Amino acid sequence: MKKVIRILLGIGLVSIGILHFVKEKQFRNIVPHYLPLRKTAVLITGVFEMLFGVILIIRRPSQFWKRSINAFLLSVFPANVYMARKKLPLGDKQLPTWVLYARLPLQFVLMRTISKL
């Protein structure tokens, strides 16, 4: 079961990483405006998401990779908070405010799941 979860998470990360390039402007919108190099940040985080996804797909991650993925997820958490506070759309869809806030704890569930792989 862990293998299935790992592969599904990997596919999800690779897909989201690709979207960082395909829908860069939409991702840039959730990076706070006061931060510099917003486009660069979106592209770099896209590369990391694809890298982490490929690692999860190929093999069970080592403790180093688990910690790296979780550190990455923690580092992008403020963008998700910003998105909720500013009620920004997720892609082309405007989600209800409660959904934007409800997805925040899911980041920590994801981190816990990565730790258990």
PDB file of N, CA and C in Angstrom:
ATOM      1  N   MET A   1       0.816  -1.195   0.000  1.00  0.00           N
ATOM      2  CA  MET A   1       0.000   0.000   0.000  1.00  0.00           C
ATOM      3  C   MET A   1       0.861   1.261   0.000  1.00  0.00           C
ATOM      4  N   LYS A   2       1.968   1.216   0.771  1.00  0.00           N
ATOM      5  CA  LYS A   2       2.858   2.375   0.800  1.00  0.00           C
ATOM      6  C   LYS A   2       3.424   2.681  -0.585  1.00  0.00           C
ATOM      7  N   LYS A   3       3.694   1.635  -1.333  1.00  0.00           N
ATOM      8  CA  LYS A   3       4.246   1.826  -2.671  1.00  0.00           C
ATOM      9  C   LYS A   3       3.240   2.547  -3.568  1.00  0.00           C
ATOM     10  N   VAL A   4       1.984   2.159  -3.473  1.00  0.00           N
ATOM     11  CA  VAL A   4       0.936   2.804  -4.277  1.00  0.00           C
ATOM     12  C   VAL A   4       0.820   4.278  -3.889  1.00  0.00           C
ATOM     13  N   ILE A   5       0.784   4.555  -2.592  1.00  0.00           N
ATOM     14  CA  ILE A   5       0.698   5.941  -2.112  1.00  0.00           C
ATOM     15  C   ILE A   5       1.910   6.738  -2.588  1.00  0.00           C
ATOM     16  N   ARG A   6       3.090   6.150  -2.470  1.00  0.00           N
ATOM     17  CA  ARG A   6       4.325   6.815  -2.890  1.00  0.00           C
ATOM     18  C   ARG A   6       4.279   7.158  -4.370  1.00  0.00           C
ATOM     19  N   ILE A   7       3.857   6.218  -5.199  1.00  0.00           N
ATOM     20  CA  ILE A   7       3.805   6.455  -6.646  1.00  0.00           C
ATOM     21  C   ILE A   7       2.751   7.502  -6.988  1.00  0.00           C
ATOM     22  N   LEU A   8       1.594   7.439  -6.325  1.00  0.00           N
ATOM     23  CA  LEU A   8       0.552   8.436  -6.573  1.00  0.00           C
ATOM     24  C   LEU A   8       1.020   9.838  -6.169  1.00  0.00           C
ATOM     25  N   LEU A   9       1.689   9.927  -5.018  1.00  0.00           N
ATOM     26  CA  LEU A   9       2.243  11.224  -4.598  1.00  0.00           C
ATOM     27  C   LEU A   9       3.290  11.710  -5.600  1.00  0.00           C
ATOM     28  N   GLY A  10       4.109  10.786  -6.075  1.00  0.00           N
ATOM     29  CA  GLY A  10       5.127  11.133  -7.062  1.00  0.00           C
ATOM     30  C   GLY A  10       4.520  11.669  -8.345  1.00  0.00           C
ATOM     31  N   ILE A  11       3.493  10.987  -8.821  1.00  0.00           N
ATOM     32  CA  ILE A  11       2.808  11.443 -10.041  1.00  0.00           C
ATOM     33  C   ILE A  11       2.185  12.814  -9.805  1.00  0.00           C
ATOM     34  N   GLY A  12       1.602  13.002  -8.638  1.00  0.00           N
ATOM     35  CA  GLY A  12       1.013  14.296  -8.304  1.00  0.00           C
ATOM     36  C   GLY A  12       2.041  15.413  -8.289  1.00  0.00           C
ATOM     37  N   LEU A  13       3.188  15.151  -7.679  1.00  0.00           N
ATOM     38  CA  LEU A  13       4.243  16.174  -7.624  1.00  0.00           C
ATOM     39  C   LEU A  13       4.802  16.486  -9.011  1.00  0.00           C
ATOM     40  N   VAL A  14       5.019  15.470  -9.812  1.00  0.00           N
ATOM     41  CA  VAL A  14       5.516  15.706 -11.175  1.00  0.00           C
ATOM     42  C   VAL A  14       4.491  16.530 -11.953  1.00  0.00           C
ATOM     43  N   SER A  15       3.219  16.176 -11.827  1.00  0.00           N
ATOM     44  CA  SER A  15       2.167  16.906 -12.545  1.00  0.00           C
ATOM     45  C   SER A  15       2.104  18.363 -12.119  1.00  0.00           C
ATOM     46  N   ILE A  16       2.146  18.598 -10.824  1.00  0.00           N
ATOM     47  CA  ILE A  16       2.102  19.978 -10.329  1.00  0.00           C
ATOM     48  C   ILE A  16       3.363  20.729 -10.746  1.00  0.00           C
ATOM     49  N   GLY A  17       4.500  20.053 -10.723  1.00  0.00           N
ATOM     50  CA  GLY A  17       5.743  20.679 -11.177  1.00  0.00           C
ATOM     51  C   GLY A  17       5.660  21.118 -12.630  1.00  0.00           C
ATOM     52  N   ILE A  18       5.079  20.283 -13.463  1.00  0.00           N
ATOM     53  CA  ILE A  18       4.907  20.638 -14.880  1.00  0.00           C
ATOM     54  C   ILE A  18       3.973  21.846 -15.007  1.00  0.00           C
ATOM     55  N   LEU A  19       2.921  21.862 -14.194  1.00  0.00           N
ATOM     56  CA  LEU A  19       1.989  22.993 -14.232  1.00  0.00           C
ATOM     57  C   LEU A  19       2.662  24.307 -13.849  1.00  0.00           C
ATOM     58  N   HIS A  20       3.722  24.244 -13.042  1.00  0.00           N
ATOM     59  CA  HIS A  20       4.467  25.464 -12.706  1.00  0.00           C
ATOM     60  C   HIS A  20       5.004  26.141 -13.975  1.00  0.00           C
ATOM     61  N   PHE A  21       5.269  25.356 -14.987  1.00  0.00           N
ATOM     62  CA  PHE A  21       5.790  25.903 -16.247  1.00  0.00           C
ATOM     63  C   PHE A  21       4.652  26.226 -17.218  1.00  0.00           C
ATOM     64  N   VAL A  22       3.660  25.353 -17.279  1.00  0.00           N
ATOM     65  CA  VAL A  22       2.550  25.534 -18.214  1.00  0.00           C
ATOM     66  C   VAL A  22       1.640  26.691 -17.783  1.00  0.00           C
ATOM     67  N   LYS A  23       1.409  26.807 -16.483  1.00  0.00           N
ATOM     68  CA  LYS A  23       0.513  27.844 -15.934  1.00  0.00           C
ATOM     69  C   LYS A  23       1.285  28.743 -14.969  1.00  0.00           C
ATOM     70  N   GLU A  24       2.467  29.127 -15.392  1.00  0.00           N
ATOM     71  CA  GLU A  24       3.374  29.887 -14.516  1.00  0.00           C
ATOM     72  C   GLU A  24       2.721  31.123 -13.923  1.00  0.00           C
ATOM     73  N   LYS A  25       1.987  31.871 -14.715  1.00  0.00           N
ATOM     74  CA  LYS A  25       1.392  33.118 -14.221  1.00  0.00           C
ATOM     75  C   LYS A  25       0.398  32.850 -13.090  1.00  0.00           C
ATOM     76  N   GLN A  26      -0.376  31.779 -13.191  1.00  0.00           N
ATOM     77  CA  GLN A  26      -1.327  31.448 -12.133  1.00  0.00           C
ATOM     78  C   GLN A  26      -0.596  31.099 -10.842  1.00  0.00           C
ATOM     79  N   PHE A  27       0.517  30.387 -10.954  1.00  0.00           N
ATOM     80  CA  PHE A  27       1.304  30.061  -9.762  1.00  0.00           C
ATOM     81  C   PHE A  27       1.976  31.312  -9.207  1.00  0.00           C
ATOM     82  N   ARG A  28       2.404  32.186 -10.085  1.00  0.00           N
ATOM     83  CA  ARG A  28       3.054  33.431  -9.641  1.00  0.00           C
ATOM     84  C   ARG A  28       2.091  34.281  -8.828  1.00  0.00           C
ATOM     85  N   ASN A  29       0.810  34.199  -9.129  1.00  0.00           N
ATOM     86  CA  ASN A  29      -0.184  34.984  -8.408  1.00  0.00           C
ATOM     87  C   ASN A  29      -0.285  34.614  -6.933  1.00  0.00           C
ATOM     88  N   ILE A  30       0.108  33.407  -6.556  1.00  0.00           N
ATOM     89  CA  ILE A  30       0.013  33.028  -5.142  1.00  0.00           C
ATOM     90  C   ILE A  30       1.311  33.296  -4.386  1.00  0.00           C
ATOM     91  N   VAL A  31       2.313  33.809  -5.073  1.00  0.00           N
ATOM     92  CA  VAL A  31       3.547  34.238  -4.399  1.00  0.00           C
ATOM     93  C   VAL A  31       3.322  35.687  -3.978  1.00  0.00           C
ATOM     94  N   PRO A  32       3.500  35.989  -2.698  1.00  0.00           N
ATOM     95  CA  PRO A  32       3.254  37.365  -2.242  1.00  0.00           C
ATOM     96  C   PRO A  32       3.997  38.398  -3.098  1.00  0.00           C
ATOM     97  N   HIS A  33       3.310  39.484  -3.400  1.00  0.00           N
ATOM     98  CA  HIS A  33       3.851  40.514  -4.288  1.00  0.00           C
ATOM     99  C   HIS A  33       5.094  41.208  -3.735  1.00  0.00           C
ATOM    100  N   TYR A  34       5.267  41.180  -2.429  1.00  0.00           N
ATOM    101  CA  TYR A  34       6.429  41.853  -1.842  1.00  0.00           C
ATOM    102  C   TYR A  34       7.716  41.036  -1.976  1.00  0.00           C
ATOM    103  N   LEU A  35       7.605  39.794  -2.431  1.00  0.00           N
ATOM    104  CA  LEU A  35       8.809  38.979  -2.627  1.00  0.00           C
ATOM    105  C   LEU A  35       9.413  39.242  -4.006  1.00  0.00           C
ATOM    106  N   PRO A  36      10.736  39.295  -4.077  1.00  0.00           N
ATOM    107  CA  PRO A  36      11.381  39.491  -5.386  1.00  0.00           C
ATOM    108  C   PRO A  36      11.443  38.176  -6.172  1.00  0.00           C
ATOM    109  N   LEU A  37      11.695  38.280  -7.464  1.00  0.00           N
ATOM    110  CA  LEU A  37      11.922  37.119  -8.328  1.00  0.00           C
ATOM    111  C   LEU A  37      10.801  36.086  -8.247  1.00  0.00           C
ATOM    112  N   ARG A  38       9.584  36.563  -8.312  1.00  0.00           N
ATOM    113  CA  ARG A  38       8.429  35.664  -8.165  1.00  0.00           C
ATOM    114  C   ARG A  38       8.379  34.616  -9.271  1.00  0.00           C
ATOM    115  N   LYS A  39       8.634  35.023 -10.509  1.00  0.00           N
ATOM    116  CA  LYS A  39       8.611  34.059 -11.616  1.00  0.00           C
ATOM    117  C   LYS A  39       9.709  33.017 -11.432  1.00  0.00           C
ATOM    118  N   THR A  40      10.882  33.469 -11.056  1.00  0.00           N
ATOM    119  CA  THR A  40      11.998  32.553 -10.816  1.00  0.00           C
ATOM    120  C   THR A  40      11.650  31.566  -9.703  1.00  0.00           C
ATOM    121  N   ALA A  41      11.018  32.054  -8.647  1.00  0.00           N
ATOM    122  CA  ALA A  41      10.621  31.183  -7.532  1.00  0.00           C
ATOM    123  C   ALA A  41       9.649  30.108  -8.002  1.00  0.00           C
ATOM    124  N   VAL A  42       8.704  30.492  -8.850  1.00  0.00           N
ATOM    125  CA  VAL A  42       7.728  29.529  -9.370  1.00  0.00           C
ATOM    126  C   VAL A  42       8.437  28.453 -10.198  1.00  0.00           C
ATOM    127  N   LEU A  43       9.341  28.875 -11.057  1.00  0.00           N
ATOM    128  CA  LEU A  43      10.041  27.907 -11.915  1.00  0.00           C
ATOM    129  C   LEU A  43      10.950  26.984 -11.104  1.00  0.00           C
ATOM    130  N   ILE A  44      11.650  27.542 -10.135  1.00  0.00           N
ATOM    131  CA  ILE A  44      12.543  26.719  -9.298  1.00  0.00           C
ATOM    132  C   ILE A  44      11.733  25.725  -8.473  1.00  0.00           C
ATOM    133  N   THR A  45      10.631  26.181  -7.896  1.00  0.00           N
ATOM    134  CA  THR A  45       9.815  25.240  -7.116  1.00  0.00           C
ATOM    135  C   THR A  45       9.202  24.169  -8.017  1.00  0.00           C
ATOM    136  N   GLY A  46       8.923  24.534  -9.260  1.00  0.00           N
ATOM    137  CA  GLY A  46       8.432  23.537 -10.218  1.00  0.00           C
ATOM    138  C   GLY A  46       9.459  22.453 -10.479  1.00  0.00           C
ATOM    139  N   VAL A  47      10.712  22.864 -10.633  1.00  0.00           N
ATOM    140  CA  VAL A  47      11.795  21.891 -10.846  1.00  0.00           C
ATOM    141  C   VAL A  47      11.916  20.969  -9.634  1.00  0.00           C
ATOM    142  N   PHE A  48      11.876  21.550  -8.432  1.00  0.00           N
ATOM    143  CA  PHE A  48      11.976  20.729  -7.226  1.00  0.00           C
ATOM    144  C   PHE A  48      10.802  19.765  -7.103  1.00  0.00           C
ATOM    145  N   GLU A  49       9.609  20.223  -7.422  1.00  0.00           N
ATOM    146  CA  GLU A  49       8.460  19.315  -7.345  1.00  0.00           C
ATOM    147  C   GLU A  49       8.610  18.154  -8.310  1.00  0.00           C
ATOM    148  N   MET A  50       9.089  18.434  -9.514  1.00  0.00           N
ATOM    149  CA  MET A  50       9.301  17.338 -10.473  1.00  0.00           C
ATOM    150  C   MET A  50      10.395  16.392  -9.984  1.00  0.00           C
ATOM    151  N   LEU A  51      11.476  16.937  -9.455  1.00  0.00           N
ATOM    152  CA  LEU A  51      12.567  16.113  -8.931  1.00  0.00           C
ATOM    153  C   LEU A  51      12.064  15.209  -7.812  1.00  0.00           C
ATOM    154  N   PHE A  52      11.362  15.793  -6.854  1.00  0.00           N
ATOM    155  CA  PHE A  52      10.853  15.006  -5.731  1.00  0.00           C
ATOM    156  C   PHE A  52       9.846  13.956  -6.212  1.00  0.00           C
ATOM    157  N   GLY A  53       9.026  14.319  -7.183  1.00  0.00           N
ATOM    158  CA  GLY A  53       8.068  13.363  -7.727  1.00  0.00           C
ATOM    159  C   GLY A  53       8.746  12.180  -8.384  1.00  0.00           C
ATOM    160  N   VAL A  54       9.778  12.455  -9.179  1.00  0.00           N
ATOM    161  CA  VAL A  54      10.511  11.371  -9.845  1.00  0.00           C
ATOM    162  C   VAL A  54      11.164  10.459  -8.811  1.00  0.00           C
ATOM    163  N   ILE A  55      11.726  11.052  -7.773  1.00  0.00           N
ATOM    164  CA  ILE A  55      12.358  10.241  -6.719  1.00  0.00           C
ATOM    165  C   ILE A  55      11.321   9.320  -6.078  1.00  0.00           C
ATOM    166  N   LEU A  56      10.131   9.853  -5.793  1.00  0.00           N
ATOM    167  CA  LEU A  56       9.089   9.025  -5.180  1.00  0.00           C
ATOM    168  C   LEU A  56       8.623   7.920  -6.114  1.00  0.00           C
ATOM    169  N   ILE A  57       8.575   8.201  -7.399  1.00  0.00           N
ATOM    170  CA  ILE A  57       8.133   7.188  -8.370  1.00  0.00           C
ATOM    171  C   ILE A  57       9.170   6.078  -8.516  1.00  0.00           C
ATOM    172  N   ILE A  58      10.436   6.451  -8.562  1.00  0.00           N
ATOM    173  CA  ILE A  58      11.505   5.484  -8.838  1.00  0.00           C
ATOM    174  C   ILE A  58      11.763   4.534  -7.675  1.00  0.00           C
ATOM    175  N   ARG A  59      11.805   5.088  -6.465  1.00  0.00           N
ATOM    176  CA  ARG A  59      12.172   4.227  -5.326  1.00  0.00           C
ATOM    177  C   ARG A  59      11.661   4.816  -4.022  1.00  0.00           C
ATOM    178  N   ARG A  60      11.750   4.011  -2.997  1.00  0.00           N
ATOM    179  CA  ARG A  60      11.416   4.476  -1.653  1.00  0.00           C
ATOM    180  C   ARG A  60      12.458   5.508  -1.249  1.00  0.00           C
ATOM    181  N   PRO A  61      12.019   6.704  -0.824  1.00  0.00           N
ATOM    182  CA  PRO A  61      12.990   7.756  -0.519  1.00  0.00           C
ATOM    183  C   PRO A  61      13.761   7.483   0.769  1.00  0.00           C
ATOM    184  N   SER A  62      15.014   7.894   0.765  1.00  0.00           N
ATOM    185  CA  SER A  62      15.844   7.802   1.972  1.00  0.00           C
ATOM    186  C   SER A  62      15.389   8.878   2.956  1.00  0.00           C
ATOM    187  N   GLN A  63      15.919   8.815   4.168  1.00  0.00           N
ATOM    188  CA  GLN A  63      15.597   9.846   5.171  1.00  0.00           C
ATOM    189  C   GLN A  63      15.983  11.235   4.665  1.00  0.00           C
ATOM    190  N   PHE A  64      17.088  11.337   3.948  1.00  0.00           N
ATOM    191  CA  PHE A  64      17.505  12.625   3.389  1.00  0.00           C
ATOM    192  C   PHE A  64      16.431  13.180   2.466  1.00  0.00           C
ATOM    193  N   TRP A  65      15.904  12.346   1.569  1.00  0.00           N
ATOM    194  CA  TRP A  65      14.901  12.814   0.621  1.00  0.00           C
ATOM    195  C   TRP A  65      13.579  13.107   1.307  1.00  0.00           C
ATOM    196  N   LYS A  66      13.211  12.297   2.281  1.00  0.00           N
ATOM    197  CA  LYS A  66      11.980  12.570   3.032  1.00  0.00           C
ATOM    198  C   LYS A  66      12.070  13.930   3.717  1.00  0.00           C
ATOM    199  N   ARG A  67      13.207  14.186   4.359  1.00  0.00           N
ATOM    200  CA  ARG A  67      13.396  15.485   5.038  1.00  0.00           C
ATOM    201  C   ARG A  67      13.425  16.632   4.029  1.00  0.00           C
ATOM    202  N   SER A  68      14.053  16.393   2.899  1.00  0.00           N
ATOM    203  CA  SER A  68      14.129  17.435   1.863  1.00  0.00           C
ATOM    204  C   SER A  68      12.741  17.767   1.304  1.00  0.00           C
ATOM    205  N   ILE A  69      11.957  16.735   1.034  1.00  0.00           N
ATOM    206  CA  ILE A  69      10.597  16.958   0.522  1.00  0.00           C
ATOM    207  C   ILE A  69       9.771  17.708   1.560  1.00  0.00           C
ATOM    208  N   ASN A  70       9.870  17.293   2.817  1.00  0.00           N
ATOM    209  CA  ASN A  70       9.097  17.956   3.866  1.00  0.00           C
ATOM    210  C   ASN A  70       9.560  19.392   4.101  1.00  0.00           C
ATOM    211  N   ALA A  71      10.849  19.640   4.012  1.00  0.00           N
ATOM    212  CA  ALA A  71      11.352  21.015   4.139  1.00  0.00           C
ATOM    213  C   ALA A  71      10.817  21.874   2.996  1.00  0.00           C
ATOM    214  N   PHE A  72      10.780  21.300   1.806  1.00  0.00           N
ATOM    215  CA  PHE A  72      10.235  22.011   0.653  1.00  0.00           C
ATOM    216  C   PHE A  72       8.756  22.327   0.880  1.00  0.00           C
ATOM    217  N   LEU A  73       7.980  21.323   1.303  1.00  0.00           N
ATOM    218  CA  LEU A  73       6.553  21.537   1.540  1.00  0.00           C
ATOM    219  C   LEU A  73       6.318  22.606   2.604  1.00  0.00           C
ATOM    220  N   LEU A  74       7.163  22.614   3.609  1.00  0.00           N
ATOM    221  CA  LEU A  74       7.058  23.643   4.645  1.00  0.00           C
ATOM    222  C   LEU A  74       7.430  25.019   4.095  1.00  0.00           C
ATOM    223  N   SER A  75       8.398  25.060   3.196  1.00  0.00           N
ATOM    224  CA  SER A  75       8.841  26.347   2.644  1.00  0.00           C
ATOM    225  C   SER A  75       7.803  26.987   1.725  1.00  0.00           C
ATOM    226  N   VAL A  76       6.963  26.180   1.076  1.00  0.00           N
ATOM    227  CA  VAL A  76       5.936  26.749   0.197  1.00  0.00           C
ATOM    228  C   VAL A  76       4.610  26.964   0.934  1.00  0.00           C
ATOM    229  N   PHE A  77       4.536  26.546   2.186  1.00  0.00           N
ATOM    230  CA  PHE A  77       3.311  26.713   2.971  1.00  0.00           C
ATOM    231  C   PHE A  77       2.861  28.171   3.055  1.00  0.00           C
ATOM    232  N   PRO A  78       3.778  29.138   3.239  1.00  0.00           N
ATOM    233  CA  PRO A  78       3.327  30.541   3.296  1.00  0.00           C
ATOM    234  C   PRO A  78       2.583  30.992   2.035  1.00  0.00           C
ATOM    235  N   ALA A  79       2.929  30.453   0.880  1.00  0.00           N
ATOM    236  CA  ALA A  79       2.203  30.809  -0.343  1.00  0.00           C
ATOM    237  C   ALA A  79       0.765  30.314  -0.262  1.00  0.00           C
ATOM    238  N   ASN A  80       0.557  29.157   0.342  1.00  0.00           N
ATOM    239  CA  ASN A  80      -0.800  28.630   0.495  1.00  0.00           C
ATOM    240  C   ASN A  80      -1.609  29.468   1.497  1.00  0.00           C
ATOM    241  N   VAL A  81      -0.932  29.933   2.542  1.00  0.00           N
ATOM    242  CA  VAL A  81      -1.594  30.821   3.509  1.00  0.00           C
ATOM    243  C   VAL A  81      -1.967  32.135   2.819  1.00  0.00           C
ATOM    244  N   TYR A  82      -1.028  32.677   2.047  1.00  0.00           N
ATOM    245  CA  TYR A  82      -1.268  33.922   1.303  1.00  0.00           C
ATOM    246  C   TYR A  82      -2.461  33.748   0.360  1.00  0.00           C
ATOM    247  N   MET A  83      -2.504  32.615  -0.301  1.00  0.00           N
ATOM    248  CA  MET A  83      -3.601  32.325  -1.225  1.00  0.00           C
ATOM    249  C   MET A  83      -4.948  32.328  -0.494  1.00  0.00           C
ATOM    250  N   ALA A  84      -4.978  31.731   0.687  1.00  0.00           N
ATOM    251  CA  ALA A  84      -6.217  31.689   1.470  1.00  0.00           C
ATOM    252  C   ALA A  84      -6.596  33.081   1.972  1.00  0.00           C
ATOM    253  N   ARG A  85      -5.620  33.799   2.506  1.00  0.00           N
ATOM    254  CA  ARG A  85      -5.897  35.143   3.046  1.00  0.00           C
ATOM    255  C   ARG A  85      -6.411  36.096   1.978  1.00  0.00           C
ATOM    256  N   LYS A  86      -5.842  36.016   0.785  1.00  0.00           N
ATOM    257  CA  LYS A  86      -6.217  36.918  -0.306  1.00  0.00           C
ATOM    258  C   LYS A  86      -7.361  36.363  -1.160  1.00  0.00           C
ATOM    259  N   LYS A  87      -7.831  35.150  -0.815  1.00  0.00           N
ATOM    260  CA  LYS A  87      -8.920  34.490  -1.543  1.00  0.00           C
ATOM    261  C   LYS A  87      -8.610  34.389  -3.040  1.00  0.00           C
ATOM    262  N   LEU A  88      -7.394  33.949  -3.335  1.00  0.00           N
ATOM    263  CA  LEU A  88      -6.956  33.832  -4.720  1.00  0.00           C
ATOM    264  C   LEU A  88      -7.478  32.536  -5.329  1.00  0.00           C
ATOM    265  N   PRO A  89      -7.758  32.545  -6.623  1.00  0.00           N
ATOM    266  CA  PRO A  89      -8.270  31.331  -7.267  1.00  0.00           C
ATOM    267  C   PRO A  89      -7.191  30.249  -7.367  1.00  0.00           C
ATOM    268  N   LEU A  90      -7.634  29.016  -7.376  1.00  0.00           N
ATOM    269  CA  LEU A  90      -6.745  27.878  -7.601  1.00  0.00           C
ATOM    270  C   LEU A  90      -6.852  27.550  -9.081  1.00  0.00           C
ATOM    271  N   GLY A  91      -5.880  28.002  -9.848  1.00  0.00           N
ATOM    272  CA  GLY A  91      -5.943  27.851 -11.294  1.00  0.00           C
ATOM    273  C   GLY A  91      -7.021  28.762 -11.849  1.00  0.00           C
ATOM    274  N   ASP A  92      -7.975  28.181 -12.543  1.00  0.00           N
ATOM    275  CA  ASP A  92      -9.073  28.955 -13.129  1.00  0.00           C
ATOM    276  C   ASP A  92     -10.309  28.976 -12.226  1.00  0.00           C
ATOM    277  N   LYS A  93     -10.230  28.291 -11.100  1.00  0.00           N
ATOM    278  CA  LYS A  93     -11.405  28.136 -10.245  1.00  0.00           C
ATOM    279  C   LYS A  93     -11.265  28.939  -8.958  1.00  0.00           C
ATOM    280  N   GLN A  94     -12.306  29.698  -8.648  1.00  0.00           N
ATOM    281  CA  GLN A  94     -12.365  30.390  -7.371  1.00  0.00           C
ATOM    282  C   GLN A  94     -13.034  29.462  -6.373  1.00  0.00           C
ATOM    283  N   LEU A  95     -12.263  29.001  -5.430  1.00  0.00           N
ATOM    284  CA  LEU A  95     -12.800  28.095  -4.422  1.00  0.00           C
ATOM    285  C   LEU A  95     -13.397  28.887  -3.270  1.00  0.00           C
ATOM    286  N   PRO A  96     -14.374  28.311  -2.578  1.00  0.00           N
ATOM    287  CA  PRO A  96     -14.895  28.989  -1.391  1.00  0.00           C
ATOM    288  C   PRO A  96     -13.763  29.214  -0.379  1.00  0.00           C
ATOM    289  N   THR A  97     -13.879  30.276   0.379  1.00  0.00           N
ATOM    290  CA  THR A  97     -12.839  30.620   1.361  1.00  0.00           C
ATOM    291  C   THR A  97     -12.576  29.468   2.320  1.00  0.00           C
ATOM    292  N   TRP A  98     -13.621  28.792   2.751  1.00  0.00           N
ATOM    293  CA  TRP A  98     -13.428  27.702   3.705  1.00  0.00           C
ATOM    294  C   TRP A  98     -12.575  26.587   3.109  1.00  0.00           C
ATOM    295  N   VAL A  99     -12.688  26.354   1.801  1.00  0.00           N
ATOM    296  CA  VAL A  99     -11.881  25.321   1.143  1.00  0.00           C
ATOM    297  C   VAL A  99     -10.412  25.750   1.114  1.00  0.00           C
ATOM    298  N   LEU A 100     -10.180  27.034   0.833  1.00  0.00           N
ATOM    299  CA  LEU A 100      -8.799  27.536   0.802  1.00  0.00           C
ATOM    300  C   LEU A 100      -8.131  27.357   2.164  1.00  0.00           C
ATOM    301  N   TYR A 101      -8.885  27.573   3.230  1.00  0.00           N
ATOM    302  CA  TYR A 101      -8.323  27.392   4.578  1.00  0.00           C
ATOM    303  C   TYR A 101      -8.277  25.916   4.978  1.00  0.00           C
ATOM    304  N   ALA A 102      -9.255  25.139   4.554  1.00  0.00           N
ATOM    305  CA  ALA A 102      -9.303  23.719   4.915  1.00  0.00           C
ATOM    306  C   ALA A 102      -8.144  22.944   4.302  1.00  0.00           C
ATOM    307  N   ARG A 103      -7.632  23.412   3.166  1.00  0.00           N
ATOM    308  CA  ARG A 103      -6.531  22.682   2.534  1.00  0.00           C
ATOM    309  C   ARG A 103      -5.182  22.936   3.223  1.00  0.00           C
ATOM    310  N   LEU A 104      -5.104  23.953   4.072  1.00  0.00           N
ATOM    311  CA  LEU A 104      -3.838  24.240   4.757  1.00  0.00           C
ATOM    312  C   LEU A 104      -3.370  23.092   5.649  1.00  0.00           C
ATOM    313  N   PRO A 105      -4.226  22.532   6.502  1.00  0.00           N
ATOM    314  CA  PRO A 105      -3.758  21.413   7.328  1.00  0.00           C
ATOM    315  C   PRO A 105      -3.373  20.179   6.506  1.00  0.00           C
ATOM    316  N   LEU A 106      -3.916  20.079   5.304  1.00  0.00           N
ATOM    317  CA  LEU A 106      -3.586  18.930   4.455  1.00  0.00           C
ATOM    318  C   LEU A 106      -2.105  18.907   4.085  1.00  0.00           C
ATOM    319  N   GLN A 107      -1.478  20.088   4.085  1.00  0.00           N
ATOM    320  CA  GLN A 107      -0.043  20.152   3.815  1.00  0.00           C
ATOM    321  C   GLN A 107       0.720  19.350   4.882  1.00  0.00           C
ATOM    322  N   PHE A 108       0.262  19.444   6.120  1.00  0.00           N
ATOM    323  CA  PHE A 108       0.931  18.725   7.214  1.00  0.00           C
ATOM    324  C   PHE A 108       0.605  17.233   7.178  1.00  0.00           C
ATOM    325  N   VAL A 109      -0.594  16.895   6.733  1.00  0.00           N
ATOM    326  CA  VAL A 109      -0.943  15.482   6.529  1.00  0.00           C
ATOM    327  C   VAL A 109      -0.038  14.895   5.449  1.00  0.00           C
ATOM    328  N   LEU A 110       0.174  15.661   4.385  1.00  0.00           N
ATOM    329  CA  LEU A 110       1.066  15.229   3.313  1.00  0.00           C
ATOM    330  C   LEU A 110       2.486  15.025   3.836  1.00  0.00           C
ATOM    331  N   MET A 111       2.960  15.951   4.658  1.00  0.00           N
ATOM    332  CA  MET A 111       4.294  15.832   5.239  1.00  0.00           C
ATOM    333  C   MET A 111       4.404  14.582   6.105  1.00  0.00           C
ATOM    334  N   ARG A 112       3.392  14.334   6.892  1.00  0.00           N
ATOM    335  CA  ARG A 112       3.388  13.147   7.762  1.00  0.00           C
ATOM    336  C   ARG A 112       3.395  11.866   6.909  1.00  0.00           C
ATOM    337  N   THR A 113       2.617  11.894   5.829  1.00  0.00           N
ATOM    338  CA  THR A 113       2.569  10.736   4.931  1.00  0.00           C
ATOM    339  C   THR A 113       3.943  10.490   4.305  1.00  0.00           C
ATOM    340  N   ILE A 114       4.606  11.546   3.860  1.00  0.00           N
ATOM    341  CA  ILE A 114       5.957  11.417   3.288  1.00  0.00           C
ATOM    342  C   ILE A 114       6.906  10.801   4.323  1.00  0.00           C
ATOM    343  N   SER A 115       6.805  11.252   5.553  1.00  0.00           N
ATOM    344  CA  SER A 115       7.682  10.737   6.622  1.00  0.00           C
ATOM    345  C   SER A 115       7.499   9.250   6.857  1.00  0.00           C
ATOM    346  N   LYS A 116       6.292   8.755   6.633  1.00  0.00           N
ATOM    347  CA  LYS A 116       5.971   7.350   6.910  1.00  0.00           C
ATOM    348  C   LYS A 116       6.284   6.411   5.744  1.00  0.00           C
ATOM    349  N   LEU A 117       6.664   6.948   4.589  1.00  0.00           N
ATOM    350  CA  LEU A 117       6.931   6.085   3.430  1.00  0.00           C
ATOM    351  C   LEU A 117       8.155   5.219   3.640  1.00  0.00           C
TER     352      LEU A 117
END
